[in-house]
């Protein structure tokens, strides 16, 4: 009997670049609402850390992003976000031997878990973003 895992997203390491969402000139003339800021994820320097728990232990590792952004109406007050994740990039790091980590990766990529062959990309829509107190690190739920 296989023990079910509970996947917990711990936090996202963000190295964001701020850009301003563009609106047409006509929209900006008609609307007095503030234009949103868009923070784009630096995918080359970002990882999604994960932790899986079971009754007698667990595993942890990271997965890489394809893209991501966070929108806010004022700097520091996050409104929403959207991230695309490369599921084939799942890496386990909790075992001492690389072979054991590859076995864990095989289990979570298999069809009875994430079915990575069928679903190579995952999308995460962000509902809450809370700073962890560490530079460029946030706890994100979605």
C-alpha atoms as a PDB file:
ATOM      1  CA  UNK A   1       0.000   0.000   0.000  1.00  0.00           C
ATOM      2  CA  UNK A   2       1.392   3.370  -0.969  1.00  0.00           C
ATOM      3  CA  UNK A   3       1.422   6.175   1.560  1.00  0.00           C
ATOM      4  CA  UNK A   4      -0.206   9.346   0.224  1.00  0.00           C
ATOM      5  CA  UNK A   5       1.900  12.460   0.263  1.00  0.00           C
ATOM      6  CA  UNK A   6       0.757  15.933   1.103  1.00  0.00           C
ATOM      7  CA  UNK A   7       2.592  18.495  -0.976  1.00  0.00           C
ATOM      8  CA  UNK A   8       3.171  21.787   0.774  1.00  0.00           C
ATOM      9  CA  UNK A   9       4.483  24.755  -1.097  1.00  0.00           C
ATOM     10  CA  UNK A  10       6.890  26.416   1.306  1.00  0.00           C
ATOM     11  CA  UNK A  11       7.912  29.573  -0.463  1.00  0.00           C
ATOM     12  CA  UNK A  12       9.014  31.019  -3.746  1.00  0.00           C
ATOM     13  CA  UNK A  13      12.391  32.588  -4.181  1.00  0.00           C
ATOM     14  CA  UNK A  14      11.645  35.696  -6.179  1.00  0.00           C
ATOM     15  CA  UNK A  15      14.044  37.912  -7.986  1.00  0.00           C
ATOM     16  CA  UNK A  16      11.523  40.221  -9.517  1.00  0.00           C
ATOM     17  CA  UNK A  17      11.875  42.952 -12.043  1.00  0.00           C
ATOM     18  CA  UNK A  18       9.266  45.689 -11.768  1.00  0.00           C
ATOM     19  CA  UNK A  19       7.463  46.884 -14.864  1.00  0.00           C
ATOM     20  CA  UNK A  20       4.302  48.905 -15.235  1.00  0.00           C
ATOM     21  CA  UNK A  21       1.337  47.249 -16.921  1.00  0.00           C
ATOM     22  CA  UNK A  22       0.515  49.124 -20.093  1.00  0.00           C
ATOM     23  CA  UNK A  23      -2.875  50.639 -20.790  1.00  0.00           C
ATOM     24  CA  UNK A  24      -3.987  52.426 -23.896  1.00  0.00           C
ATOM     25  CA  UNK A  25      -4.042  56.220 -23.879  1.00  0.00           C
ATOM     26  CA  UNK A  26      -7.830  56.194 -24.178  1.00  0.00           C
ATOM     27  CA  UNK A  27      -8.174  53.991 -21.080  1.00  0.00           C
ATOM     28  CA  UNK A  28      -5.884  56.189 -19.010  1.00  0.00           C
ATOM     29  CA  UNK A  29      -7.837  59.315 -19.975  1.00  0.00           C
ATOM     30  CA  UNK A  30     -11.211  57.759 -19.055  1.00  0.00           C
ATOM     31  CA  UNK A  31     -10.084  56.006 -15.881  1.00  0.00           C
ATOM     32  CA  UNK A  32      -8.747  57.540 -12.696  1.00  0.00           C
ATOM     33  CA  UNK A  33      -7.925  54.120 -11.202  1.00  0.00           C
ATOM     34  CA  UNK A  34      -4.222  53.553 -10.526  1.00  0.00           C
ATOM     35  CA  UNK A  35      -2.328  51.480 -13.061  1.00  0.00           C
ATOM     36  CA  UNK A  36      -1.109  48.152 -11.670  1.00  0.00           C
ATOM     37  CA  UNK A  37       2.556  47.355 -11.223  1.00  0.00           C
ATOM     38  CA  UNK A  38       3.698  44.017 -12.607  1.00  0.00           C
ATOM     39  CA  UNK A  39       6.630  42.148 -11.067  1.00  0.00           C
ATOM     40  CA  UNK A  40       7.968  39.587 -13.529  1.00  0.00           C
ATOM     41  CA  UNK A  41       9.719  36.521 -12.158  1.00  0.00           C
ATOM     42  CA  UNK A  42      13.406  36.132 -12.986  1.00  0.00           C
ATOM     43  CA  UNK A  43      13.074  32.461 -13.964  1.00  0.00           C
ATOM     44  CA  UNK A  44      16.832  31.913 -14.238  1.00  0.00           C
ATOM     45  CA  UNK A  45      17.298  32.766 -10.552  1.00  0.00           C
ATOM     46  CA  UNK A  46      14.061  31.410  -9.060  1.00  0.00           C
ATOM     47  CA  UNK A  47      12.961  28.038  -7.672  1.00  0.00           C
ATOM     48  CA  UNK A  48       9.774  26.758  -6.087  1.00  0.00           C
ATOM     49  CA  UNK A  49      10.721  24.802  -2.960  1.00  0.00           C
ATOM     50  CA  UNK A  50       8.428  21.919  -2.023  1.00  0.00           C
ATOM     51  CA  UNK A  51       8.023  19.600   0.922  1.00  0.00           C
ATOM     52  CA  UNK A  52       6.063  16.329   0.997  1.00  0.00           C
ATOM     53  CA  UNK A  53       5.131  14.693   4.296  1.00  0.00           C
ATOM     54  CA  UNK A  54       3.980  11.205   5.172  1.00  0.00           C
ATOM     55  CA  UNK A  55       3.473   9.406   8.473  1.00  0.00           C
ATOM     56  CA  UNK A  56       7.041   8.141   8.762  1.00  0.00           C
ATOM     57  CA  UNK A  57       8.999  10.915   7.062  1.00  0.00           C
ATOM     58  CA  UNK A  58       8.885  12.887   3.864  1.00  0.00           C
ATOM     59  CA  UNK A  59      10.856  14.470   1.073  1.00  0.00           C
ATOM     60  CA  UNK A  60      11.771  17.931  -0.166  1.00  0.00           C
ATOM     61  CA  UNK A  61      13.275  19.600  -3.177  1.00  0.00           C
ATOM     62  CA  UNK A  62      12.520  22.197  -5.801  1.00  0.00           C
ATOM     63  CA  UNK A  63      10.968  22.712  -9.229  1.00  0.00           C
ATOM     64  CA  UNK A  64      11.739  25.367 -11.867  1.00  0.00           C
ATOM     65  CA  UNK A  65       9.519  28.019 -13.421  1.00  0.00           C
ATOM     66  CA  UNK A  66       8.648  28.710 -17.047  1.00  0.00           C
ATOM     67  CA  UNK A  67       7.211  32.147 -16.268  1.00  0.00           C
ATOM     68  CA  UNK A  68       5.553  34.137 -13.535  1.00  0.00           C
ATOM     69  CA  UNK A  69       4.286  37.524 -12.495  1.00  0.00           C
ATOM     70  CA  UNK A  70       2.734  39.289  -9.538  1.00  0.00           C
ATOM     71  CA  UNK A  71       0.416  42.275  -9.902  1.00  0.00           C
ATOM     72  CA  UNK A  72      -0.075  45.024  -7.353  1.00  0.00           C
ATOM     73  CA  UNK A  73      -1.847  48.369  -7.257  1.00  0.00           C
ATOM     74  CA  UNK A  74       0.870  49.874  -5.068  1.00  0.00           C
ATOM     75  CA  UNK A  75       4.451  48.778  -4.392  1.00  0.00           C
ATOM     76  CA  UNK A  76       4.628  46.168  -1.635  1.00  0.00           C
ATOM     77  CA  UNK A  77       0.880  45.359  -1.601  1.00  0.00           C
ATOM     78  CA  UNK A  78       0.419  42.286  -3.749  1.00  0.00           C
ATOM     79  CA  UNK A  79      -2.943  41.716  -5.440  1.00  0.00           C
ATOM     80  CA  UNK A  80      -2.608  38.560  -7.554  1.00  0.00           C
ATOM     81  CA  UNK A  81      -0.159  36.410  -9.427  1.00  0.00           C
ATOM     82  CA  UNK A  82       0.200  33.693 -11.993  1.00  0.00           C
ATOM     83  CA  UNK A  83       3.055  31.184 -12.379  1.00  0.00           C
ATOM     84  CA  UNK A  84       3.788  28.447 -14.918  1.00  0.00           C
ATOM     85  CA  UNK A  85       5.919  25.574 -13.621  1.00  0.00           C
ATOM     86  CA  UNK A  86       8.054  23.030 -15.540  1.00  0.00           C
ATOM     87  CA  UNK A  87       6.928  19.777 -13.925  1.00  0.00           C
ATOM     88  CA  UNK A  88       9.735  17.801 -15.610  1.00  0.00           C
ATOM     89  CA  UNK A  89      12.219  19.847 -13.573  1.00  0.00           C
ATOM     90  CA  UNK A  90      11.159  18.328 -10.218  1.00  0.00           C
ATOM     91  CA  UNK A  91      14.271  17.678  -8.122  1.00  0.00           C
ATOM     92  CA  UNK A  92      14.430  15.873  -4.765  1.00  0.00           C
ATOM     93  CA  UNK A  93      17.292  16.877  -2.460  1.00  0.00           C
ATOM     94  CA  UNK A  94      16.628  15.239   0.911  1.00  0.00           C
ATOM     95  CA  UNK A  95      18.472  11.927   0.420  1.00  0.00           C
ATOM     96  CA  UNK A  96      22.229  11.487   0.827  1.00  0.00           C
ATOM     97  CA  UNK A  97      22.633   9.327  -2.279  1.00  0.00           C
ATOM     98  CA  UNK A  98      21.763  10.835  -5.685  1.00  0.00           C
ATOM     99  CA  UNK A  99      20.259   7.486  -6.753  1.00  0.00           C
ATOM    100  CA  UNK A 100      17.722   7.670  -3.913  1.00  0.00           C
ATOM    101  CA  UNK A 101      16.753  11.224  -4.890  1.00  0.00           C
ATOM    102  CA  UNK A 102      16.222  10.079  -8.508  1.00  0.00           C
ATOM    103  CA  UNK A 103      13.917   7.322  -7.197  1.00  0.00           C
ATOM    104  CA  UNK A 104      11.829   9.908  -5.316  1.00  0.00           C
ATOM    105  CA  UNK A 105      11.686  12.057  -8.454  1.00  0.00           C
ATOM    106  CA  UNK A 106      10.487   9.047 -10.456  1.00  0.00           C
ATOM    107  CA  UNK A 107       7.673   8.439  -7.973  1.00  0.00           C
ATOM    108  CA  UNK A 108       6.386  12.025  -8.006  1.00  0.00           C
ATOM    109  CA  UNK A 109       6.659  12.270 -11.814  1.00  0.00           C
ATOM    110  CA  UNK A 110       4.755   8.978 -12.337  1.00  0.00           C
ATOM    111  CA  UNK A 111       1.173   8.761 -13.601  1.00  0.00           C
ATOM    112  CA  UNK A 112      -0.194   7.897 -10.148  1.00  0.00           C
ATOM    113  CA  UNK A 113       1.166  11.164  -8.732  1.00  0.00           C
ATOM    114  CA  UNK A 114       1.735  14.268 -10.926  1.00  0.00           C
ATOM    115  CA  UNK A 115       1.590  12.444 -14.303  1.00  0.00           C
ATOM    116  CA  UNK A 116       4.322  14.684 -15.681  1.00  0.00           C
ATOM    117  CA  UNK A 117       4.337  12.935 -19.073  1.00  0.00           C
ATOM    118  CA  UNK A 118       0.682  13.952 -19.527  1.00  0.00           C
ATOM    119  CA  UNK A 119       0.911  17.319 -17.748  1.00  0.00           C
ATOM    120  CA  UNK A 120       4.403  18.785 -18.279  1.00  0.00           C
ATOM    121  CA  UNK A 121       3.299  22.269 -17.173  1.00  0.00           C
ATOM    122  CA  UNK A 122       1.428  23.336 -14.057  1.00  0.00           C
ATOM    123  CA  UNK A 123      -0.194  26.685 -13.418  1.00  0.00           C
ATOM    124  CA  UNK A 124      -0.405  28.313 -10.009  1.00  0.00           C
ATOM    125  CA  UNK A 125      -2.697  31.255  -9.450  1.00  0.00           C
ATOM    126  CA  UNK A 126      -1.709  33.263  -6.406  1.00  0.00           C
ATOM    127  CA  UNK A 127      -4.229  34.288  -3.744  1.00  0.00           C
ATOM    128  CA  UNK A 128      -1.968  35.390  -0.871  1.00  0.00           C
ATOM    129  CA  UNK A 129       1.637  36.586  -0.709  1.00  0.00           C
ATOM    130  CA  UNK A 130       3.357  37.111   2.641  1.00  0.00           C
ATOM    131  CA  UNK A 131       6.999  38.223   3.063  1.00  0.00           C
ATOM    132  CA  UNK A 132       9.114  35.700   5.019  1.00  0.00           C
ATOM    133  CA  UNK A 133      11.390  38.389   6.420  1.00  0.00           C
ATOM    134  CA  UNK A 134      14.258  37.261   4.184  1.00  0.00           C
ATOM    135  CA  UNK A 135      15.315  39.313   1.174  1.00  0.00           C
ATOM    136  CA  UNK A 136      13.303  38.362  -1.945  1.00  0.00           C
ATOM    137  CA  UNK A 137      11.559  35.412  -0.249  1.00  0.00           C
ATOM    138  CA  UNK A 138       7.800  35.081   0.133  1.00  0.00           C
ATOM    139  CA  UNK A 139       5.313  32.487   1.316  1.00  0.00           C
ATOM    140  CA  UNK A 140       2.832  32.120  -1.525  1.00  0.00           C
ATOM    141  CA  UNK A 141      -0.500  30.259  -1.504  1.00  0.00           C
ATOM    142  CA  UNK A 142      -2.838  29.767  -4.379  1.00  0.00           C
END
